[in-house]
N, C-alpha and C. Protein backbone atom coordinates (compact mmCIF):
# COMPACT_ATOMS: atom_id res chain seq x y z
N MET A 1 19.58 -19.77 -10.19
CA MET A 1 18.36 -19.36 -10.84
C MET A 1 17.94 -17.99 -10.32
N GLU A 2 17.72 -17.07 -11.19
CA GLU A 2 17.37 -15.71 -10.82
C GLU A 2 15.86 -15.58 -10.67
N LYS A 3 15.43 -15.08 -9.50
CA LYS A 3 14.01 -14.86 -9.29
C LYS A 3 13.62 -13.53 -9.90
N LYS A 4 12.50 -13.52 -10.58
CA LYS A 4 12.02 -12.28 -11.17
C LYS A 4 11.13 -11.57 -10.17
N ILE A 5 11.48 -10.32 -9.89
CA ILE A 5 10.77 -9.53 -8.90
C ILE A 5 10.42 -8.18 -9.51
N ALA A 6 9.22 -7.72 -9.23
CA ALA A 6 8.79 -6.37 -9.60
C ALA A 6 8.42 -5.64 -8.32
N SER A 7 8.69 -4.33 -8.28
CA SER A 7 8.43 -3.60 -7.04
C SER A 7 7.89 -2.21 -7.34
N ALA A 8 7.31 -1.62 -6.30
CA ALA A 8 6.84 -0.24 -6.35
C ALA A 8 7.05 0.37 -4.97
N LYS A 9 7.45 1.63 -4.95
CA LYS A 9 7.71 2.32 -3.70
C LYS A 9 7.02 3.68 -3.74
N LEU A 10 6.42 4.04 -2.63
CA LEU A 10 5.73 5.31 -2.50
C LEU A 10 6.32 6.04 -1.31
N ASP A 11 7.03 7.13 -1.58
CA ASP A 11 7.69 7.90 -0.52
C ASP A 11 6.75 8.95 0.04
N SER A 12 6.75 9.06 1.36
CA SER A 12 5.98 10.09 2.08
C SER A 12 4.53 10.16 1.63
N ALA A 13 3.87 9.02 1.61
CA ALA A 13 2.45 8.98 1.28
C ALA A 13 1.66 9.57 2.45
N ARG A 14 0.63 10.32 2.15
CA ARG A 14 -0.15 10.99 3.19
C ARG A 14 -1.16 10.02 3.81
N ILE A 15 -0.66 8.92 4.35
CA ILE A 15 -1.50 7.94 5.02
C ILE A 15 -0.88 7.61 6.37
N SER A 16 -1.68 7.07 7.24
CA SER A 16 -1.21 6.71 8.57
C SER A 16 -0.32 5.49 8.52
N LEU A 17 0.77 5.51 9.27
CA LEU A 17 1.69 4.39 9.33
C LEU A 17 1.01 3.15 9.92
N ILE A 18 0.24 3.34 10.97
CA ILE A 18 -0.41 2.22 11.65
C ILE A 18 -1.46 1.58 10.76
N HIS A 19 -2.24 2.41 10.05
CA HIS A 19 -3.26 1.88 9.15
C HIS A 19 -2.62 1.10 8.00
N SER A 20 -1.56 1.66 7.42
CA SER A 20 -0.91 0.98 6.31
C SER A 20 -0.24 -0.31 6.77
N MET A 21 0.32 -0.35 7.97
CA MET A 21 0.92 -1.58 8.47
C MET A 21 -0.13 -2.67 8.67
N ALA A 22 -1.31 -2.29 9.14
CA ALA A 22 -2.39 -3.28 9.35
C ALA A 22 -2.84 -3.87 8.02
N ILE A 23 -3.00 -3.03 7.00
CA ILE A 23 -3.44 -3.52 5.69
C ILE A 23 -2.36 -4.38 5.05
N LEU A 24 -1.11 -3.94 5.09
CA LEU A 24 -0.02 -4.68 4.46
C LEU A 24 0.20 -6.03 5.13
N LYS A 25 0.00 -6.09 6.43
CA LYS A 25 0.12 -7.37 7.13
C LYS A 25 -0.96 -8.35 6.65
N ALA A 26 -2.14 -7.82 6.33
CA ALA A 26 -3.24 -8.67 5.88
C ALA A 26 -3.02 -9.20 4.46
N ILE A 27 -2.34 -8.44 3.59
CA ILE A 27 -2.18 -8.87 2.20
C ILE A 27 -0.83 -9.53 1.92
N ARG A 28 0.09 -9.49 2.86
CA ARG A 28 1.42 -10.08 2.65
C ARG A 28 1.32 -11.59 2.48
N GLY A 29 1.95 -12.11 1.42
CA GLY A 29 1.94 -13.54 1.17
C GLY A 29 0.80 -14.01 0.29
N LYS A 30 -0.17 -13.15 0.02
CA LYS A 30 -1.29 -13.53 -0.83
C LYS A 30 -0.95 -13.36 -2.29
N ARG A 31 -1.75 -13.95 -3.15
CA ARG A 31 -1.61 -13.71 -4.58
C ARG A 31 -2.01 -12.27 -4.87
N LEU A 32 -1.47 -11.72 -5.96
CA LEU A 32 -1.72 -10.32 -6.29
C LEU A 32 -3.20 -10.06 -6.51
N GLU A 33 -3.87 -10.95 -7.24
CA GLU A 33 -5.30 -10.77 -7.50
C GLU A 33 -6.12 -10.83 -6.21
N ALA A 34 -5.74 -11.72 -5.29
CA ALA A 34 -6.45 -11.83 -4.02
C ALA A 34 -6.25 -10.57 -3.17
N GLY A 35 -5.04 -10.01 -3.22
CA GLY A 35 -4.78 -8.77 -2.49
C GLY A 35 -5.58 -7.60 -3.03
N LYS A 36 -5.67 -7.52 -4.37
CA LYS A 36 -6.45 -6.44 -4.98
C LYS A 36 -7.93 -6.59 -4.65
N LYS A 37 -8.43 -7.83 -4.67
CA LYS A 37 -9.84 -8.09 -4.36
C LYS A 37 -10.13 -7.72 -2.91
N PHE A 38 -9.20 -8.05 -2.00
CA PHE A 38 -9.37 -7.72 -0.59
C PHE A 38 -9.47 -6.20 -0.38
N LEU A 39 -8.61 -5.44 -1.07
CA LEU A 39 -8.62 -3.99 -0.92
C LEU A 39 -9.88 -3.38 -1.53
N GLU A 40 -10.36 -3.93 -2.65
CA GLU A 40 -11.59 -3.42 -3.25
C GLU A 40 -12.78 -3.67 -2.33
N GLU A 41 -12.82 -4.83 -1.69
CA GLU A 41 -13.89 -5.12 -0.73
C GLU A 41 -13.79 -4.22 0.49
N LEU A 42 -12.57 -3.89 0.88
CA LEU A 42 -12.36 -2.98 2.01
C LEU A 42 -12.89 -1.58 1.66
N LEU A 43 -12.64 -1.14 0.42
CA LEU A 43 -13.11 0.17 0.00
C LEU A 43 -14.63 0.21 -0.16
N ASP A 44 -15.23 -0.91 -0.62
CA ASP A 44 -16.69 -0.98 -0.77
C ASP A 44 -17.39 -1.30 0.54
N GLN A 45 -16.64 -1.47 1.61
CA GLN A 45 -17.12 -1.79 2.95
C GLN A 45 -17.90 -3.10 2.98
N LYS A 46 -17.47 -4.05 2.17
CA LYS A 46 -18.03 -5.40 2.20
C LYS A 46 -17.27 -6.27 3.20
N ARG A 47 -16.04 -5.90 3.48
CA ARG A 47 -15.19 -6.62 4.42
C ARG A 47 -14.49 -5.61 5.30
N SER A 48 -14.33 -5.95 6.57
CA SER A 48 -13.63 -5.04 7.47
C SER A 48 -12.37 -5.71 8.00
N LEU A 49 -11.47 -4.90 8.49
CA LEU A 49 -10.22 -5.38 9.06
C LEU A 49 -10.19 -4.86 10.49
N HIS A 50 -10.37 -5.74 11.46
CA HIS A 50 -10.44 -5.38 12.88
C HIS A 50 -11.58 -4.39 13.13
N GLY A 51 -12.68 -4.53 12.38
CA GLY A 51 -13.84 -3.65 12.56
C GLY A 51 -13.70 -2.30 11.90
N LYS A 52 -12.65 -2.08 11.11
CA LYS A 52 -12.44 -0.79 10.45
C LYS A 52 -12.23 -1.02 8.96
N TYR A 53 -12.33 0.08 8.19
CA TYR A 53 -12.22 -0.03 6.74
C TYR A 53 -10.98 0.65 6.16
N TYR A 54 -10.39 1.61 6.84
CA TYR A 54 -9.18 2.32 6.42
C TYR A 54 -9.25 2.78 4.96
N PRO A 55 -10.18 3.67 4.59
CA PRO A 55 -10.38 4.00 3.17
C PRO A 55 -9.20 4.72 2.52
N THR A 56 -8.56 5.64 3.22
CA THR A 56 -7.47 6.40 2.61
C THR A 56 -6.26 5.50 2.34
N ALA A 57 -5.88 4.72 3.33
CA ALA A 57 -4.73 3.84 3.16
C ALA A 57 -5.03 2.75 2.14
N ALA A 58 -6.24 2.22 2.15
CA ALA A 58 -6.60 1.15 1.21
C ALA A 58 -6.56 1.65 -0.22
N LYS A 59 -7.00 2.88 -0.45
CA LYS A 59 -7.00 3.45 -1.80
C LYS A 59 -5.57 3.61 -2.32
N LYS A 60 -4.67 4.13 -1.49
CA LYS A 60 -3.28 4.32 -1.91
C LYS A 60 -2.58 2.99 -2.17
N ILE A 61 -2.82 2.01 -1.31
CA ILE A 61 -2.17 0.71 -1.48
C ILE A 61 -2.72 -0.01 -2.70
N LEU A 62 -4.02 0.16 -2.99
CA LEU A 62 -4.58 -0.44 -4.20
C LEU A 62 -3.95 0.18 -5.45
N GLU A 63 -3.72 1.49 -5.44
CA GLU A 63 -3.02 2.14 -6.56
C GLU A 63 -1.61 1.57 -6.71
N MET A 64 -0.95 1.30 -5.59
CA MET A 64 0.40 0.73 -5.65
C MET A 64 0.38 -0.68 -6.22
N LEU A 65 -0.61 -1.48 -5.86
CA LEU A 65 -0.70 -2.84 -6.40
C LEU A 65 -0.91 -2.81 -7.91
N GLU A 66 -1.69 -1.85 -8.38
CA GLU A 66 -1.88 -1.72 -9.83
C GLU A 66 -0.57 -1.30 -10.50
N ALA A 67 0.21 -0.45 -9.84
CA ALA A 67 1.50 -0.04 -10.38
C ALA A 67 2.48 -1.21 -10.41
N VAL A 68 2.46 -2.04 -9.38
CA VAL A 68 3.33 -3.21 -9.34
C VAL A 68 2.96 -4.18 -10.46
N GLU A 69 1.67 -4.33 -10.70
CA GLU A 69 1.22 -5.21 -11.78
C GLU A 69 1.71 -4.71 -13.13
N ALA A 70 1.64 -3.39 -13.35
CA ALA A 70 2.14 -2.81 -14.59
C ALA A 70 3.65 -3.01 -14.72
N ASN A 71 4.39 -2.85 -13.62
CA ASN A 71 5.83 -3.06 -13.65
C ASN A 71 6.17 -4.53 -13.96
N ALA A 72 5.36 -5.44 -13.45
CA ALA A 72 5.58 -6.86 -13.71
C ALA A 72 5.32 -7.20 -15.17
N LYS A 73 4.33 -6.56 -15.77
CA LYS A 73 4.06 -6.80 -17.19
C LYS A 73 5.21 -6.31 -18.06
N VAL A 74 5.82 -5.20 -17.66
CA VAL A 74 6.97 -4.67 -18.41
C VAL A 74 8.15 -5.64 -18.32
N LYS A 75 8.30 -6.30 -17.18
CA LYS A 75 9.39 -7.27 -17.00
C LYS A 75 9.04 -8.65 -17.52
N ASP A 76 7.93 -8.79 -18.21
CA ASP A 76 7.47 -10.06 -18.80
C ASP A 76 7.25 -11.15 -17.76
N LEU A 77 6.64 -10.78 -16.63
CA LEU A 77 6.28 -11.77 -15.62
C LEU A 77 4.83 -12.21 -15.86
N THR A 78 4.51 -13.42 -15.50
CA THR A 78 3.15 -13.93 -15.63
C THR A 78 2.31 -13.40 -14.48
N VAL A 79 1.28 -12.63 -14.81
CA VAL A 79 0.48 -11.95 -13.79
C VAL A 79 -0.27 -12.96 -12.91
N GLU A 80 -0.70 -14.07 -13.47
CA GLU A 80 -1.46 -15.06 -12.71
C GLU A 80 -0.61 -15.75 -11.64
N LYS A 81 0.72 -15.78 -11.82
CA LYS A 81 1.60 -16.47 -10.89
C LYS A 81 2.16 -15.55 -9.81
N LEU A 82 1.84 -14.27 -9.84
CA LEU A 82 2.46 -13.31 -8.92
C LEU A 82 1.86 -13.41 -7.52
N PHE A 83 2.73 -13.30 -6.52
CA PHE A 83 2.28 -13.18 -5.14
C PHE A 83 3.05 -12.05 -4.48
N ILE A 84 2.48 -11.52 -3.41
CA ILE A 84 3.07 -10.38 -2.72
C ILE A 84 4.16 -10.90 -1.79
N LYS A 85 5.39 -10.67 -2.19
CA LYS A 85 6.55 -11.19 -1.45
C LYS A 85 6.87 -10.29 -0.26
N THR A 86 7.00 -9.01 -0.51
CA THR A 86 7.35 -8.04 0.53
C THR A 86 6.33 -6.93 0.53
N ALA A 87 5.82 -6.61 1.69
CA ALA A 87 4.91 -5.47 1.85
C ALA A 87 5.24 -4.84 3.19
N LYS A 88 5.87 -3.67 3.16
CA LYS A 88 6.25 -3.05 4.43
C LYS A 88 6.04 -1.56 4.38
N ALA A 89 5.87 -0.98 5.55
CA ALA A 89 5.68 0.46 5.69
C ALA A 89 6.64 0.97 6.75
N ASP A 90 7.27 2.09 6.44
CA ASP A 90 8.19 2.73 7.37
C ASP A 90 7.71 4.15 7.64
N LYS A 91 8.24 4.72 8.70
CA LYS A 91 7.88 6.08 9.05
C LYS A 91 8.36 7.04 7.98
N GLY A 92 7.49 7.93 7.56
CA GLY A 92 7.84 8.88 6.52
C GLY A 92 8.26 10.22 7.09
N PHE A 93 8.47 11.15 6.19
CA PHE A 93 8.87 12.50 6.55
C PHE A 93 7.71 13.22 7.23
N ARG A 94 7.95 13.82 8.39
CA ARG A 94 6.90 14.56 9.09
C ARG A 94 7.10 16.04 8.84
N PHE A 95 6.05 16.70 8.46
CA PHE A 95 6.15 18.14 8.25
C PHE A 95 4.93 18.82 8.86
N ILE A 96 5.07 20.11 9.06
CA ILE A 96 3.99 20.89 9.66
C ILE A 96 3.05 21.35 8.55
N ARG A 97 1.80 21.10 8.75
CA ARG A 97 0.79 21.40 7.74
C ARG A 97 0.61 22.90 7.61
N PRO A 98 0.70 23.43 6.40
CA PRO A 98 0.53 24.87 6.24
C PRO A 98 -0.94 25.28 6.31
N ARG A 99 -1.24 26.19 7.19
CA ARG A 99 -2.58 26.74 7.33
C ARG A 99 -2.48 28.24 7.54
N THR A 100 -3.55 28.93 7.25
CA THR A 100 -3.51 30.38 7.38
C THR A 100 -3.94 30.84 8.77
N ARG A 101 -4.87 30.16 9.38
CA ARG A 101 -5.33 30.59 10.70
C ARG A 101 -4.35 30.18 11.78
N TRP A 102 -4.22 31.04 12.77
CA TRP A 102 -3.24 30.81 13.81
C TRP A 102 -3.57 29.56 14.63
N ARG A 103 -4.85 29.30 14.87
CA ARG A 103 -5.20 28.18 15.74
C ARG A 103 -4.95 26.83 15.08
N LEU A 104 -4.82 26.79 13.77
CA LEU A 104 -4.58 25.53 13.07
C LEU A 104 -3.11 25.31 12.77
N ARG A 105 -2.25 26.21 13.19
CA ARG A 105 -0.83 26.07 12.88
C ARG A 105 -0.19 25.01 13.76
N GLY A 106 0.85 24.38 13.23
CA GLY A 106 1.63 23.45 14.00
C GLY A 106 1.13 22.02 14.00
N ARG A 107 0.15 21.71 13.17
CA ARG A 107 -0.33 20.32 13.10
C ARG A 107 0.63 19.50 12.25
N LYS A 108 1.07 18.40 12.79
CA LYS A 108 2.00 17.56 12.05
C LYS A 108 1.22 16.56 11.20
N VAL A 109 1.70 16.35 10.00
CA VAL A 109 1.03 15.48 9.04
C VAL A 109 1.61 14.07 9.15
N LYS A 110 0.72 13.08 9.13
CA LYS A 110 1.16 11.69 9.13
C LYS A 110 1.60 11.31 7.72
N SER A 111 2.70 10.61 7.61
CA SER A 111 3.12 10.10 6.31
C SER A 111 3.87 8.79 6.51
N ALA A 112 3.86 7.98 5.46
CA ALA A 112 4.51 6.68 5.53
C ALA A 112 5.18 6.38 4.19
N THR A 113 6.27 5.64 4.24
CA THR A 113 6.93 5.17 3.04
C THR A 113 6.56 3.70 2.89
N VAL A 114 5.94 3.37 1.76
CA VAL A 114 5.42 2.03 1.53
C VAL A 114 6.18 1.35 0.41
N LEU A 115 6.58 0.09 0.62
CA LEU A 115 7.28 -0.70 -0.38
C LEU A 115 6.55 -2.01 -0.59
N ILE A 116 6.26 -2.34 -1.85
CA ILE A 116 5.60 -3.60 -2.19
C ILE A 116 6.42 -4.28 -3.28
N GLU A 117 6.75 -5.56 -3.06
CA GLU A 117 7.45 -6.37 -4.07
C GLU A 117 6.62 -7.61 -4.36
N VAL A 118 6.55 -7.96 -5.63
CA VAL A 118 5.87 -9.19 -6.03
C VAL A 118 6.86 -10.08 -6.77
N ALA A 119 6.64 -11.39 -6.67
CA ALA A 119 7.50 -12.36 -7.35
C ALA A 119 6.63 -13.48 -7.90
N GLU A 120 7.19 -14.23 -8.83
CA GLU A 120 6.47 -15.38 -9.39
C GLU A 120 6.62 -16.57 -8.47
N ARG A 121 5.55 -17.35 -8.36
CA ARG A 121 5.61 -18.57 -7.57
C ARG A 121 5.30 -19.75 -8.44
């Protein structure tokens, strides 16, 4: 029996690896709707994760969950049955931030590669 899986990947997202790992650990294994609700509450500061809200990472991951949902609809998966099977973040490409002033040169930018897969349960 073939399991139907939909996925989305974001390469070199301008978010912190540690922040994205904390959020992805919290939503892994949950239903897709529950994960989206959790991130919306995190953005509205109704719920915190370890006393923090992580707005930048939460916004990017919420956009990814919406993209995964759209990919699942294209593959004719039932949206109500979807759960987050895989949610992981890896170290992304590090580059030096371009600035004009000499004192701001050489700052390295944080980036992460995020992968989210959903499957029917």
